PDB file of all heavy atoms in Angstrom:
ATOM      1  N   PRO A   1     -59.478  34.494 -11.630  1.00  0.00           N
ATOM      2  CA  PRO A   1     -58.058  34.543 -11.375  1.00  0.00           C
ATOM      3  C   PRO A   1     -57.319  33.368 -12.004  1.00  0.00           C
ATOM      4  O   PRO A   1     -57.845  32.205 -11.964  1.00  0.00           O
ATOM      5  CB  PRO A   1     -57.958  34.438  -9.872  1.00  0.00           C
ATOM      6  CG  PRO A   1     -59.251  33.785  -9.420  1.00  0.00           C
ATOM      7  CD  PRO A   1     -60.257  34.180 -10.462  1.00  0.00           C
ATOM      8  N   LYS A   2     -56.285  33.644 -12.749  1.00  0.00           N
ATOM      9  CA  LYS A   2     -55.467  32.576 -13.419  1.00  0.00           C
ATOM     10  C   LYS A   2     -53.980  32.904 -13.179  1.00  0.00           C
ATOM     11  O   LYS A   2     -53.585  33.992 -12.662  1.00  0.00           O
ATOM     12  CB  LYS A   2     -55.716  32.626 -14.904  1.00  0.00           C
ATOM     13  CG  LYS A   2     -57.146  32.355 -15.336  1.00  0.00           C
ATOM     14  CD  LYS A   2     -57.512  30.937 -15.157  1.00  0.00           C
ATOM     15  CE  LYS A   2     -58.935  30.654 -15.638  1.00  0.00           C
ATOM     16  NZ  LYS A   2     -59.282  29.272 -15.556  1.00  0.00           N
ATOM     17  N   ILE A   3     -53.115  31.923 -13.561  1.00  0.00           N
ATOM     18  CA  ILE A   3     -51.672  32.173 -13.453  1.00  0.00           C
ATOM     19  C   ILE A   3     -51.143  32.030 -14.868  1.00  0.00           C
ATOM     20  O   ILE A   3     -51.484  31.095 -15.583  1.00  0.00           O
ATOM     21  CB  ILE A   3     -51.029  31.128 -12.551  1.00  0.00           C
ATOM     22  CG1 ILE A   3     -51.461  31.226 -11.126  1.00  0.00           C
ATOM     23  CG2 ILE A   3     -49.526  31.120 -12.650  1.00  0.00           C
ATOM     24  CD1 ILE A   3     -50.947  32.452 -10.373  1.00  0.00           C
ATOM     25  N   LYS A   4     -50.277  32.945 -15.222  1.00  0.00           N
ATOM     26  CA  LYS A   4     -49.602  32.875 -16.551  1.00  0.00           C
ATOM     27  C   LYS A   4     -48.106  32.511 -16.287  1.00  0.00           C
ATOM     28  O   LYS A   4     -47.484  33.196 -15.568  1.00  0.00           O
ATOM     29  CB  LYS A   4     -49.688  34.232 -17.325  1.00  0.00           C
ATOM     30  CG  LYS A   4     -48.973  34.202 -18.636  1.00  0.00           C
ATOM     31  CD  LYS A   4     -49.190  35.550 -19.295  1.00  0.00           C
ATOM     32  CE  LYS A   4     -48.563  35.578 -20.647  1.00  0.00           C
ATOM     33  NZ  LYS A   4     -48.745  36.943 -21.280  1.00  0.00           N
ATOM     34  N   ILE A   5     -47.710  31.466 -16.925  1.00  0.00           N
ATOM     35  CA  ILE A   5     -46.319  31.017 -16.881  1.00  0.00           C
ATOM     36  C   ILE A   5     -45.714  31.209 -18.214  1.00  0.00           C
ATOM     37  O   ILE A   5     -46.263  30.812 -19.251  1.00  0.00           O
ATOM     38  CB  ILE A   5     -46.254  29.480 -16.529  1.00  0.00           C
ATOM     39  CG1 ILE A   5     -46.899  29.243 -15.134  1.00  0.00           C
ATOM     40  CG2 ILE A   5     -44.781  29.032 -16.526  1.00  0.00           C
ATOM     41  CD1 ILE A   5     -47.037  27.787 -14.820  1.00  0.00           C
ATOM     42  N   GLU A   6     -44.493  31.831 -18.176  1.00  0.00           N
ATOM     43  CA  GLU A   6     -43.737  32.010 -19.424  1.00  0.00           C
ATOM     44  C   GLU A   6     -42.373  31.404 -19.233  1.00  0.00           C
ATOM     45  O   GLU A   6     -41.708  31.607 -18.267  1.00  0.00           O
ATOM     46  CB  GLU A   6     -43.563  33.513 -19.729  1.00  0.00           C
ATOM     47  CG  GLU A   6     -44.878  34.229 -19.944  1.00  0.00           C
ATOM     48  CD  GLU A   6     -44.658  35.726 -20.045  1.00  0.00           C
ATOM     49  OE1 GLU A   6     -44.647  36.407 -18.957  1.00  0.00           O
ATOM     50  OE2 GLU A   6     -44.524  36.215 -21.173  1.00  0.00           O
ATOM     51  N   VAL A   7     -41.968  30.654 -20.295  1.00  0.00           N
ATOM     52  CA  VAL A   7     -40.619  29.989 -20.254  1.00  0.00           C
ATOM     53  C   VAL A   7     -40.115  29.952 -21.667  1.00  0.00           C
ATOM     54  O   VAL A   7     -40.843  29.728 -22.632  1.00  0.00           O
ATOM     55  CB  VAL A   7     -40.742  28.631 -19.576  1.00  0.00           C
ATOM     56  CG1 VAL A   7     -41.683  27.723 -20.323  1.00  0.00           C
ATOM     57  CG2 VAL A   7     -39.393  27.942 -19.459  1.00  0.00           C
ATOM     58  N   VAL A   8     -38.767  30.130 -21.825  1.00  0.00           N
ATOM     59  CA  VAL A   8     -38.166  30.020 -23.107  1.00  0.00           C
ATOM     60  C   VAL A   8     -37.208  28.779 -23.066  1.00  0.00           C
ATOM     61  O   VAL A   8     -36.370  28.712 -22.119  1.00  0.00           O
ATOM     62  CB  VAL A   8     -37.314  31.259 -23.532  1.00  0.00           C
ATOM     63  CG1 VAL A   8     -36.649  31.099 -24.863  1.00  0.00           C
ATOM     64  CG2 VAL A   8     -38.286  32.479 -23.619  1.00  0.00           C
ATOM     65  N   VAL A   9     -37.364  27.846 -23.974  1.00  0.00           N
ATOM     66  CA  VAL A   9     -36.580  26.665 -23.999  1.00  0.00           C
ATOM     67  C   VAL A   9     -36.006  26.418 -25.360  1.00  0.00           C
ATOM     68  O   VAL A   9     -36.476  26.993 -26.362  1.00  0.00           O
ATOM     69  CB  VAL A   9     -37.442  25.438 -23.530  1.00  0.00           C
ATOM     70  CG1 VAL A   9     -37.850  25.579 -22.084  1.00  0.00           C
ATOM     71  CG2 VAL A   9     -38.582  25.176 -24.450  1.00  0.00           C
ATOM     72  N   SER A  10     -35.050  25.490 -25.462  1.00  0.00           N
ATOM     73  CA  SER A  10     -34.572  25.040 -26.692  1.00  0.00           C
ATOM     74  C   SER A  10     -35.583  24.277 -27.477  1.00  0.00           C
ATOM     75  O   SER A  10     -36.561  23.793 -26.941  1.00  0.00           O
ATOM     76  CB  SER A  10     -33.321  24.198 -26.553  1.00  0.00           C
ATOM     77  OG  SER A  10     -33.675  22.955 -25.883  1.00  0.00           O
ATOM     78  N   ASP A  11     -35.457  24.180 -28.824  1.00  0.00           N
ATOM     79  CA  ASP A  11     -36.401  23.466 -29.666  1.00  0.00           C
ATOM     80  C   ASP A  11     -36.538  22.015 -29.229  1.00  0.00           C
ATOM     81  O   ASP A  11     -37.629  21.455 -29.229  1.00  0.00           O
ATOM     82  CB  ASP A  11     -36.005  23.498 -31.127  1.00  0.00           C
ATOM     83  CG  ASP A  11     -36.110  24.866 -31.759  1.00  0.00           C
ATOM     84  OD1 ASP A  11     -36.963  25.667 -31.226  1.00  0.00           O
ATOM     85  OD2 ASP A  11     -35.433  25.206 -32.728  1.00  0.00           O
ATOM     86  N   ALA A  12     -35.407  21.434 -28.745  1.00  0.00           N
ATOM     87  CA  ALA A  12     -35.447  20.025 -28.329  1.00  0.00           C
ATOM     88  C   ALA A  12     -36.264  19.827 -27.054  1.00  0.00           C
ATOM     89  O   ALA A  12     -36.837  18.721 -26.847  1.00  0.00           O
ATOM     90  CB  ALA A  12     -34.017  19.562 -28.075  1.00  0.00           C
ATOM     91  N   LEU A  13     -36.382  20.842 -26.275  1.00  0.00           N
ATOM     92  CA  LEU A  13     -37.050  20.673 -24.941  1.00  0.00           C
ATOM     93  C   LEU A  13     -38.499  21.151 -25.079  1.00  0.00           C
ATOM     94  O   LEU A  13     -39.333  21.039 -24.107  1.00  0.00           O
ATOM     95  CB  LEU A  13     -36.361  21.477 -23.924  1.00  0.00           C
ATOM     96  CG  LEU A  13     -36.589  21.160 -22.407  1.00  0.00           C
ATOM     97  CD1 LEU A  13     -36.432  19.666 -22.092  1.00  0.00           C
ATOM     98  CD2 LEU A  13     -35.699  21.974 -21.539  1.00  0.00           C
ATOM     99  N   SER A  14     -38.942  21.696 -26.157  1.00  0.00           N
ATOM    100  CA  SER A  14     -40.271  22.340 -26.357  1.00  0.00           C
ATOM    101  C   SER A  14     -41.390  21.301 -26.144  1.00  0.00           C
ATOM    102  O   SER A  14     -42.308  21.583 -25.360  1.00  0.00           O
ATOM    103  CB  SER A  14     -40.340  22.925 -27.794  1.00  0.00           C
ATOM    104  OG  SER A  14     -41.595  23.391 -28.027  1.00  0.00           O
ATOM    105  N   GLU A  15     -41.316  20.147 -26.824  1.00  0.00           N
ATOM    106  CA  GLU A  15     -42.431  19.183 -26.746  1.00  0.00           C
ATOM    107  C   GLU A  15     -42.611  18.658 -25.246  1.00  0.00           C
ATOM    108  O   GLU A  15     -43.694  18.583 -24.757  1.00  0.00           O
ATOM    109  CB  GLU A  15     -42.199  18.042 -27.664  1.00  0.00           C
ATOM    110  CG  GLU A  15     -43.338  17.072 -27.796  1.00  0.00           C
ATOM    111  CD  GLU A  15     -44.615  17.690 -28.360  1.00  0.00           C
ATOM    112  OE1 GLU A  15     -44.522  18.611 -29.180  1.00  0.00           O
ATOM    113  OE2 GLU A  15     -45.719  17.270 -27.936  1.00  0.00           O
ATOM    114  N   ALA A  16     -41.425  18.348 -24.633  1.00  0.00           N
ATOM    115  CA  ALA A  16     -41.453  17.862 -23.251  1.00  0.00           C
ATOM    116  C   ALA A  16     -42.026  18.903 -22.335  1.00  0.00           C
ATOM    117  O   ALA A  16     -42.718  18.576 -21.356  1.00  0.00           O
ATOM    118  CB  ALA A  16     -40.028  17.443 -22.837  1.00  0.00           C
ATOM    119  N   THR A  17     -41.743  20.211 -22.558  1.00  0.00           N
ATOM    120  CA  THR A  17     -42.201  21.287 -21.693  1.00  0.00           C
ATOM    121  C   THR A  17     -43.674  21.408 -21.837  1.00  0.00           C
ATOM    122  O   THR A  17     -44.457  21.496 -20.827  1.00  0.00           O
ATOM    123  CB  THR A  17     -41.498  22.636 -22.077  1.00  0.00           C
ATOM    124  OG1 THR A  17     -40.085  22.410 -21.944  1.00  0.00           O
ATOM    125  CG2 THR A  17     -41.940  23.706 -21.166  1.00  0.00           C
ATOM    126  N   THR A  18     -44.248  21.422 -23.069  1.00  0.00           N
ATOM    127  CA  THR A  18     -45.684  21.526 -23.216  1.00  0.00           C
ATOM    128  C   THR A  18     -46.412  20.328 -22.586  1.00  0.00           C
ATOM    129  O   THR A  18     -47.466  20.521 -21.985  1.00  0.00           O
ATOM    130  CB  THR A  18     -46.062  21.728 -24.720  1.00  0.00           C
ATOM    131  OG1 THR A  18     -45.594  20.628 -25.450  1.00  0.00           O
ATOM    132  CG2 THR A  18     -45.559  23.021 -25.250  1.00  0.00           C
ATOM    133  N   THR A  19     -45.823  19.153 -22.756  1.00  0.00           N
ATOM    134  CA  THR A  19     -46.449  18.014 -22.141  1.00  0.00           C
ATOM    135  C   THR A  19     -46.438  18.028 -20.697  1.00  0.00           C
ATOM    136  O   THR A  19     -47.414  17.673 -20.016  1.00  0.00           O
ATOM    137  CB  THR A  19     -45.693  16.709 -22.694  1.00  0.00           C
ATOM    138  OG1 THR A  19     -45.803  16.650 -24.089  1.00  0.00           O
ATOM    139  CG2 THR A  19     -46.325  15.459 -22.082  1.00  0.00           C
ATOM    140  N   ALA A  20     -45.309  18.506 -20.054  1.00  0.00           N
ATOM    141  CA  ALA A  20     -45.189  18.578 -18.633  1.00  0.00           C
ATOM    142  C   ALA A  20     -46.200  19.547 -18.093  1.00  0.00           C
ATOM    143  O   ALA A  20     -46.865  19.307 -17.068  1.00  0.00           O
ATOM    144  CB  ALA A  20     -43.777  19.002 -18.208  1.00  0.00           C
ATOM    145  N   ILE A  21     -46.381  20.709 -18.717  1.00  0.00           N
ATOM    146  CA  ILE A  21     -47.315  21.686 -18.263  1.00  0.00           C
ATOM    147  C   ILE A  21     -48.741  21.164 -18.355  1.00  0.00           C
ATOM    148  O   ILE A  21     -49.504  21.238 -17.400  1.00  0.00           O
ATOM    149  CB  ILE A  21     -47.153  23.023 -19.075  1.00  0.00           C
ATOM    150  CG1 ILE A  21     -45.860  23.665 -18.721  1.00  0.00           C
ATOM    151  CG2 ILE A  21     -48.340  23.945 -18.729  1.00  0.00           C
ATOM    152  CD1 ILE A  21     -45.521  24.860 -19.653  1.00  0.00           C
ATOM    153  N   SER A  22     -49.049  20.611 -19.526  1.00  0.00           N
ATOM    154  CA  SER A  22     -50.475  20.080 -19.730  1.00  0.00           C
ATOM    155  C   SER A  22     -50.838  19.045 -18.693  1.00  0.00           C
ATOM    156  O   SER A  22     -51.882  19.048 -18.201  1.00  0.00           O
ATOM    157  CB  SER A  22     -50.591  19.565 -21.101  1.00  0.00           C
ATOM    158  OG  SER A  22     -50.356  20.558 -22.097  1.00  0.00           O
ATOM    159  N   SER A  23     -49.855  18.072 -18.521  1.00  0.00           N
ATOM    160  CA  SER A  23     -50.160  16.975 -17.607  1.00  0.00           C
ATOM    161  C   SER A  23     -50.296  17.469 -16.183  1.00  0.00           C
ATOM    162  O   SER A  23     -51.242  17.045 -15.415  1.00  0.00           O
ATOM    163  CB  SER A  23     -49.011  15.984 -17.598  1.00  0.00           C
ATOM    164  OG  SER A  23     -48.860  15.404 -18.896  1.00  0.00           O
ATOM    165  N   ALA A  24     -49.435  18.396 -15.698  1.00  0.00           N
ATOM    166  CA  ALA A  24     -49.454  18.846 -14.316  1.00  0.00           C
ATOM    167  C   ALA A  24     -50.665  19.770 -14.054  1.00  0.00           C
ATOM    168  O   ALA A  24     -51.123  19.843 -12.919  1.00  0.00           O
ATOM    169  CB  ALA A  24     -48.101  19.549 -14.032  1.00  0.00           C
ATOM    170  N   ALA A  25     -51.149  20.487 -15.059  1.00  0.00           N
ATOM    171  CA  ALA A  25     -52.158  21.504 -14.866  1.00  0.00           C
ATOM    172  C   ALA A  25     -53.594  20.949 -15.067  1.00  0.00           C
ATOM    173  O   ALA A  25     -54.556  21.530 -14.694  1.00  0.00           O
ATOM    174  CB  ALA A  25     -51.914  22.670 -15.732  1.00  0.00           C
ATOM    175  N   LYS A  26     -53.655  19.746 -15.572  1.00  0.00           N
ATOM    176  CA  LYS A  26     -54.967  19.202 -15.932  1.00  0.00           C
ATOM    177  C   LYS A  26     -55.802  18.705 -14.752  1.00  0.00           C
ATOM    178  O   LYS A  26     -55.262  17.958 -13.884  1.00  0.00           O
ATOM    179  CB  LYS A  26     -54.802  17.975 -16.923  1.00  0.00           C
ATOM    180  CG  LYS A  26     -56.087  17.436 -17.376  1.00  0.00           C
ATOM    181  CD  LYS A  26     -55.813  16.328 -18.442  1.00  0.00           C
ATOM    182  CE  LYS A  26     -57.197  15.808 -18.960  1.00  0.00           C
ATOM    183  NZ  LYS A  26     -56.924  14.811 -19.989  1.00  0.00           N
ATOM    184  N   THR A  27     -57.060  19.183 -14.675  1.00  0.00           N
ATOM    185  CA  THR A  27     -58.005  18.686 -13.681  1.00  0.00           C
ATOM    186  C   THR A  27     -59.122  17.939 -14.386  1.00  0.00           C
ATOM    187  O   THR A  27     -59.857  17.220 -13.720  1.00  0.00           O
ATOM    188  CB  THR A  27     -58.615  19.792 -12.879  1.00  0.00           C
ATOM    189  OG1 THR A  27     -59.391  20.614 -13.729  1.00  0.00           O
ATOM    190  CG2 THR A  27     -57.566  20.695 -12.228  1.00  0.00           C
ATOM    191  N   GLY A  28     -59.258  18.156 -15.729  1.00  0.00           N
ATOM    192  CA  GLY A  28     -60.372  17.545 -16.387  1.00  0.00           C
ATOM    193  C   GLY A  28     -61.641  18.342 -16.388  1.00  0.00           C
ATOM    194  O   GLY A  28     -62.636  17.916 -16.903  1.00  0.00           O
ATOM    195  N   LYS A  29     -61.597  19.486 -15.787  1.00  0.00           N
ATOM    196  CA  LYS A  29     -62.802  20.377 -15.667  1.00  0.00           C
ATOM    197  C   LYS A  29     -62.588  21.586 -16.513  1.00  0.00           C
ATOM    198  O   LYS A  29     -61.498  21.985 -16.919  1.00  0.00           O
ATOM    199  CB  LYS A  29     -62.980  20.743 -14.266  1.00  0.00           C
ATOM    200  CG  LYS A  29     -63.321  19.525 -13.354  1.00  0.00           C
ATOM    201  CD  LYS A  29     -63.701  19.931 -11.964  1.00  0.00           C
ATOM    202  CE  LYS A  29     -64.054  18.737 -11.226  1.00  0.00           C
ATOM    203  NZ  LYS A  29     -63.477  18.574  -9.939  1.00  0.00           N
ATOM    204  N   ILE A  30     -63.704  22.259 -16.821  1.00  0.00           N
ATOM    205  CA  ILE A  30     -63.646  23.480 -17.691  1.00  0.00           C
ATOM    206  C   ILE A  30     -62.741  24.516 -16.942  1.00  0.00           C
ATOM    207  O   ILE A  30     -62.734  24.634 -15.755  1.00  0.00           O
ATOM    208  CB  ILE A  30     -65.049  24.024 -17.903  1.00  0.00           C
ATOM    209  CG1 ILE A  30     -65.041  25.026 -18.998  1.00  0.00           C
ATOM    210  CG2 ILE A  30     -65.685  24.555 -16.665  1.00  0.00           C
ATOM    211  CD1 ILE A  30     -66.375  25.361 -19.584  1.00  0.00           C
ATOM    212  N   GLY A  31     -61.944  25.286 -17.750  1.00  0.00           N
ATOM    213  CA  GLY A  31     -61.162  26.314 -17.216  1.00  0.00           C
ATOM    214  C   GLY A  31     -59.723  25.888 -16.869  1.00  0.00           C
ATOM    215  O   GLY A  31     -59.010  26.579 -16.206  1.00  0.00           O
ATOM    216  N   ASP A  32     -59.315  24.690 -17.326  1.00  0.00           N
ATOM    217  CA  ASP A  32     -57.940  24.207 -17.059  1.00  0.00           C
ATOM    218  C   ASP A  32     -56.885  25.070 -17.632  1.00  0.00           C
ATOM    219  O   ASP A  32     -55.823  25.219 -17.118  1.00  0.00           O
ATOM    220  CB  ASP A  32     -57.774  22.797 -17.506  1.00  0.00           C
ATOM    221  CG  ASP A  32     -58.221  21.759 -16.521  1.00  0.00           C
ATOM    222  OD1 ASP A  32     -58.525  22.096 -15.406  1.00  0.00           O
ATOM    223  OD2 ASP A  32     -58.218  20.555 -16.897  1.00  0.00           O
ATOM    224  N   GLY A  33     -57.169  25.746 -18.782  1.00  0.00           N
ATOM    225  CA  GLY A  33     -56.249  26.703 -19.332  1.00  0.00           C
ATOM    226  C   GLY A  33     -55.803  26.288 -20.685  1.00  0.00           C
ATOM    227  O   GLY A  33     -56.362  25.373 -21.395  1.00  0.00           O
ATOM    228  N   LYS A  34     -54.761  27.004 -21.149  1.00  0.00           N
ATOM    229  CA  LYS A  34     -54.220  26.730 -22.522  1.00  0.00           C
ATOM    230  C   LYS A  34     -52.637  26.867 -22.509  1.00  0.00           C
ATOM    231  O   LYS A  34     -52.162  27.512 -21.616  1.00  0.00           O
ATOM    232  CB  LYS A  34     -54.769  27.722 -23.503  1.00  0.00           C
ATOM    233  CG  LYS A  34     -56.217  27.525 -23.841  1.00  0.00           C
ATOM    234  CD  LYS A  34     -56.596  28.295 -25.060  1.00  0.00           C
ATOM    235  CE  LYS A  34     -57.967  27.871 -25.602  1.00  0.00           C
ATOM    236  NZ  LYS A  34     -59.023  28.247 -24.750  1.00  0.00           N
ATOM    237  N   VAL A  35     -51.995  26.297 -23.487  1.00  0.00           N
ATOM    238  CA  VAL A  35     -50.536  26.472 -23.648  1.00  0.00           C
ATOM    239  C   VAL A  35     -50.375  27.023 -25.000  1.00  0.00           C
ATOM    240  O   VAL A  35     -50.898  26.491 -26.020  1.00  0.00           O
ATOM    241  CB  VAL A  35     -49.871  25.089 -23.509  1.00  0.00           C
ATOM    242  CG1 VAL A  35     -48.321  25.245 -23.755  1.00  0.00           C
ATOM    243  CG2 VAL A  35     -50.151  24.507 -22.133  1.00  0.00           C
ATOM    244  N   PHE A  36     -49.514  28.069 -25.141  1.00  0.00           N
ATOM    245  CA  PHE A  36     -49.194  28.731 -26.441  1.00  0.00           C
ATOM    246  C   PHE A  36     -47.688  28.557 -26.712  1.00  0.00           C
ATOM    247  O   PHE A  36     -46.942  28.782 -25.806  1.00  0.00           O
ATOM    248  CB  PHE A  36     -49.553  30.214 -26.406  1.00  0.00           C
ATOM    249  CG  PHE A  36     -51.018  30.448 -25.994  1.00  0.00           C
ATOM    250  CD1 PHE A  36     -51.323  30.738 -24.715  1.00  0.00           C
ATOM    251  CD2 PHE A  36     -51.976  30.467 -27.007  1.00  0.00           C
ATOM    252  CE1 PHE A  36     -52.648  31.032 -24.349  1.00  0.00           C
ATOM    253  CE2 PHE A  36     -53.312  30.679 -26.635  1.00  0.00           C
ATOM    254  CZ  PHE A  36     -53.629  31.030 -25.392  1.00  0.00           C
ATOM    255  N   VAL A  37     -47.356  28.218 -27.879  1.00  0.00           N
ATOM    256  CA  VAL A  37     -45.936  28.066 -28.216  1.00  0.00           C
ATOM    257  C   VAL A  37     -45.640  28.946 -29.406  1.00  0.00           C
ATOM    258  O   VAL A  37     -46.335  28.958 -30.465  1.00  0.00           O
ATOM    259  CB  VAL A  37     -45.617  26.570 -28.644  1.00  0.00           C
ATOM    260  CG1 VAL A  37     -44.125  26.424 -28.984  1.00  0.00           C
ATOM    261  CG2 VAL A  37     -45.973  25.606 -27.560  1.00  0.00           C
ATOM    262  N   SER A  38     -44.559  29.766 -29.249  1.00  0.00           N
ATOM    263  CA  SER A  38     -44.161  30.677 -30.324  1.00  0.00           C
ATOM    264  C   SER A  38     -42.665  30.623 -30.533  1.00  0.00           C
ATOM    265  O   SER A  38     -41.915  30.289 -29.634  1.00  0.00           O
ATOM    266  CB  SER A  38     -44.659  32.074 -30.105  1.00  0.00           C
ATOM    267  OG  SER A  38     -44.332  32.572 -28.818  1.00  0.00           O
ATOM    268  N   ASN A  39     -42.168  31.053 -31.728  1.00  0.00           N
ATOM    269  CA  ASN A  39     -40.780  30.988 -32.016  1.00  0.00           C
ATOM    270  C   ASN A  39     -40.086  32.266 -31.473  1.00  0.00           C
ATOM    271  O   ASN A  39     -40.637  33.375 -31.444  1.00  0.00           O
ATOM    272  CB  ASN A  39     -40.592  31.003 -33.542  1.00  0.00           C
ATOM    273  CG  ASN A  39     -40.934  29.673 -34.168  1.00  0.00           C
ATOM    274  OD1 ASN A  39     -40.586  28.679 -33.563  1.00  0.00           O
ATOM    275  ND2 ASN A  39     -41.621  29.734 -35.282  1.00  0.00           N
ATOM    276  N   ILE A  40     -38.894  32.106 -30.995  1.00  0.00           N
ATOM    277  CA  ILE A  40     -38.062  33.210 -30.502  1.00  0.00           C
ATOM    278  C   ILE A  40     -36.804  33.311 -31.398  1.00  0.00           C
ATOM    279  O   ILE A  40     -36.093  32.289 -31.683  1.00  0.00           O
ATOM    280  CB  ILE A  40     -37.577  32.927 -29.050  1.00  0.00           C
ATOM    281  CG1 ILE A  40     -38.744  32.865 -28.095  1.00  0.00           C
ATOM    282  CG2 ILE A  40     -36.573  33.968 -28.609  1.00  0.00           C
ATOM    283  CD1 ILE A  40     -39.521  34.189 -27.927  1.00  0.00           C
ATOM    284  N   GLU A  41     -36.586  34.488 -31.914  1.00  0.00           N
ATOM    285  CA  GLU A  41     -35.461  34.723 -32.843  1.00  0.00           C
ATOM    286  C   GLU A  41     -34.072  34.877 -32.069  1.00  0.00           C
ATOM    287  O   GLU A  41     -33.126  34.249 -32.430  1.00  0.00           O
ATOM    288  CB  GLU A  41     -35.717  35.902 -33.772  1.00  0.00           C
ATOM    289  CG  GLU A  41     -36.824  35.710 -34.682  1.00  0.00           C
ATOM    290  CD  GLU A  41     -36.998  36.909 -35.609  1.00  0.00           C
ATOM    291  OE1 GLU A  41     -36.019  37.648 -35.890  1.00  0.00           O
ATOM    292  OE2 GLU A  41     -38.125  37.126 -36.004  1.00  0.00           O
ATOM    293  N   THR A  42     -34.105  35.651 -31.065  1.00  0.00           N
ATOM    294  CA  THR A  42     -32.872  36.023 -30.366  1.00  0.00           C
ATOM    295  C   THR A  42     -33.102  36.144 -28.915  1.00  0.00           C
ATOM    296  O   THR A  42     -34.150  36.701 -28.486  1.00  0.00           O
ATOM    297  CB  THR A  42     -32.253  37.316 -30.867  1.00  0.00           C
ATOM    298  OG1 THR A  42     -32.086  37.218 -32.311  1.00  0.00           O
ATOM    299  CG2 THR A  42     -30.929  37.660 -30.233  1.00  0.00           C
TER     300      THR A  42
END
């Protein structure tokens, strides 16, 4: 079981968002998860 979080943010907030997710979700053990970033046109 996992949780998938999806959020759309401005380019300026992108780096802070990925950092916030990574920091808050990290346990240091296998299976912590992944963060994917993709471009949105409209």
